[in-house]
Amino acid sequence: MPETPTETHVRRAEKGVDGEHPMYGWSVKDGPQRAVPHALLALVTEQQATNAHLDRIAAALAKPAAEAPAPEPKRRLWLPTRRTV
């Protein structure tokens, strides 16, 4: 199964933290600095997927609510009725 973009960015960030170049794998001194953009991109892509999932849930919940009839207000029996004289 192919990697998702999030998995790709996480793998690259892990390589950078280990001291390797995030994309090419050779040793670099500034690996953690090179890993930060990949970690940030992983967070962003995961957040976008979460937001899309929550939007689908909200749409699924809004559809039945829009189709339901509006409830009629109940008469408040504890309030005195208005008298016309």
C-alpha atoms as a PDB file:
ATOM      1  CA  MET A   1       0.000   0.000   0.000  1.00  0.00           C
ATOM      2  CA  PRO A   2       1.489   3.412  -0.931  1.00  0.00           C
ATOM      3  CA  GLU A   3       2.345   5.913   1.763  1.00  0.00           C
ATOM      4  CA  THR A   4       0.030   8.794   2.479  1.00  0.00           C
ATOM      5  CA  PRO A   5       1.542  12.293   2.323  1.00  0.00           C
ATOM      6  CA  THR A   6       1.434  12.451   6.116  1.00  0.00           C
ATOM      7  CA  GLU A   7       3.385   9.215   6.455  1.00  0.00           C
ATOM      8  CA  THR A   8       5.949  10.452   3.950  1.00  0.00           C
ATOM      9  CA  HIS A   9       6.519  13.683   5.878  1.00  0.00           C
ATOM     10  CA  VAL A  10       6.704  11.847   9.216  1.00  0.00           C
ATOM     11  CA  ARG A  11       9.279   9.417   7.799  1.00  0.00           C
ATOM     12  CA  ARG A  12      11.357  12.313   6.458  1.00  0.00           C
ATOM     13  CA  ALA A  13      11.155  14.144   9.789  1.00  0.00           C
ATOM     14  CA  GLU A  14      12.309  11.013  11.624  1.00  0.00           C
ATOM     15  CA  LYS A  15      15.279  10.689   9.263  1.00  0.00           C
ATOM     16  CA  GLY A  16      16.206  14.323   9.926  1.00  0.00           C
ATOM     17  CA  VAL A  17      16.008  13.900  13.678  1.00  0.00           C
ATOM     18  CA  ASP A  18      18.283  10.851  13.343  1.00  0.00           C
ATOM     19  CA  GLY A  19      20.917  13.078  11.667  1.00  0.00           C
ATOM     20  CA  GLU A  20      20.259  12.081   8.068  1.00  0.00           C
ATOM     21  CA  HIS A  21      19.131  14.222   5.177  1.00  0.00           C
ATOM     22  CA  PRO A  22      15.300  13.957   5.209  1.00  0.00           C
ATOM     23  CA  MET A  23      14.987  13.176   1.503  1.00  0.00           C
ATOM     24  CA  TYR A  24      18.296  11.598   0.460  1.00  0.00           C
ATOM     25  CA  GLY A  25      19.523   9.802   3.595  1.00  0.00           C
ATOM     26  CA  TRP A  26      23.143  10.902   3.811  1.00  0.00           C
ATOM     27  CA  SER A  27      24.525  12.199   7.118  1.00  0.00           C
ATOM     28  CA  VAL A  28      24.131  15.909   7.794  1.00  0.00           C
ATOM     29  CA  LYS A  29      24.939  18.035  10.829  1.00  0.00           C
ATOM     30  CA  ASP A  30      21.726  20.057  10.698  1.00  0.00           C
ATOM     31  CA  GLY A  31      19.326  17.099  10.372  1.00  0.00           C
ATOM     32  CA  PRO A  32      16.915  18.258  13.078  1.00  0.00           C
ATOM     33  CA  GLN A  33      16.677  21.695  11.453  1.00  0.00           C
ATOM     34  CA  ARG A  34      15.907  20.065   8.126  1.00  0.00           C
ATOM     35  CA  ALA A  35      13.308  17.843   9.830  1.00  0.00           C
ATOM     36  CA  VAL A  36      11.208  20.720  11.165  1.00  0.00           C
ATOM     37  CA  PRO A  37       9.531  21.634   7.829  1.00  0.00           C
ATOM     38  CA  HIS A  38       8.642  17.993   7.209  1.00  0.00           C
ATOM     39  CA  ALA A  39       7.174  17.618  10.697  1.00  0.00           C
ATOM     40  CA  LEU A  40       5.154  20.780  10.176  1.00  0.00           C
ATOM     41  CA  LEU A  41       3.878  19.576   6.801  1.00  0.00           C
ATOM     42  CA  ALA A  42       2.879  16.262   8.407  1.00  0.00           C
ATOM     43  CA  LEU A  43       0.858  18.138  11.012  1.00  0.00           C
ATOM     44  CA  VAL A  44      -0.783  20.340   8.402  1.00  0.00           C
ATOM     45  CA  THR A  45      -1.789  17.450   6.133  1.00  0.00           C
ATOM     46  CA  GLU A  46      -3.162  15.494   9.097  1.00  0.00           C
ATOM     47  CA  GLN A  47      -5.130  18.544  10.265  1.00  0.00           C
ATOM     48  CA  GLN A  48      -6.576  19.001   6.773  1.00  0.00           C
ATOM     49  CA  ALA A  49      -7.720  15.381   6.732  1.00  0.00           C
ATOM     50  CA  THR A  50      -9.276  15.798  10.181  1.00  0.00           C
ATOM     51  CA  ASN A  51     -11.074  18.979   9.125  1.00  0.00           C
ATOM     52  CA  ALA A  52     -12.445  17.283   5.998  1.00  0.00           C
ATOM     53  CA  HIS A  53     -13.709  14.375   8.107  1.00  0.00           C
ATOM     54  CA  LEU A  54     -15.379  16.738  10.585  1.00  0.00           C
ATOM     55  CA  ASP A  55     -16.985  18.663   7.699  1.00  0.00           C
ATOM     56  CA  ARG A  56     -18.480  15.420   6.382  1.00  0.00           C
ATOM     57  CA  ILE A  57     -19.854  14.610   9.840  1.00  0.00           C
ATOM     58  CA  ALA A  58     -21.344  18.100  10.187  1.00  0.00           C
ATOM     59  CA  ALA A  59     -22.988  17.838   6.767  1.00  0.00           C
ATOM     60  CA  ALA A  60     -24.414  14.419   7.617  1.00  0.00           C
ATOM     61  CA  LEU A  61     -25.879  15.772  10.860  1.00  0.00           C
ATOM     62  CA  ALA A  62     -27.217  18.974   9.293  1.00  0.00           C
ATOM     63  CA  LYS A  63     -29.169  17.182   6.567  1.00  0.00           C
ATOM     64  CA  PRO A  64     -31.652  15.365   8.869  1.00  0.00           C
ATOM     65  CA  ALA A  65     -31.961  18.469  11.049  1.00  0.00           C
ATOM     66  CA  ALA A  66     -32.946  20.570   8.037  1.00  0.00           C
ATOM     67  CA  GLU A  67     -35.545  18.021   6.919  1.00  0.00           C
ATOM     68  CA  ALA A  68     -37.194  17.714  10.343  1.00  0.00           C
ATOM     69  CA  PRO A  69     -40.344  19.792  10.867  1.00  0.00           C
ATOM     70  CA  ALA A  70     -40.058  22.731  13.205  1.00  0.00           C
ATOM     71  CA  PRO A  71     -41.605  22.002  16.585  1.00  0.00           C
ATOM     72  CA  GLU A  72     -44.670  23.992  17.547  1.00  0.00           C
ATOM     73  CA  PRO A  73     -44.258  26.113  20.644  1.00  0.00           C
ATOM     74  CA  LYS A  74     -45.962  24.713  23.714  1.00  0.00           C
ATOM     75  CA  ARG A  75     -48.512  26.721  25.586  1.00  0.00           C
ATOM     76  CA  ARG A  76     -47.183  27.844  28.895  1.00  0.00           C
ATOM     77  CA  LEU A  77     -49.851  26.922  31.365  1.00  0.00           C
ATOM     78  CA  TRP A  78     -48.233  28.721  34.270  1.00  0.00           C
ATOM     79  CA  LEU A  79     -48.588  32.137  32.586  1.00  0.00           C
ATOM     80  CA  PRO A  80     -51.906  33.913  32.986  1.00  0.00           C
ATOM     81  CA  THR A  81     -53.864  34.355  29.780  1.00  0.00           C
ATOM     82  CA  ARG A  82     -54.401  37.853  28.526  1.00  0.00           C
ATOM     83  CA  ARG A  83     -57.877  39.131  29.126  1.00  0.00           C
ATOM     84  CA  THR A  84     -59.563  41.517  26.793  1.00  0.00           C
ATOM     85  CA  VAL A  85     -62.098  43.803  28.442  1.00  0.00           C
END
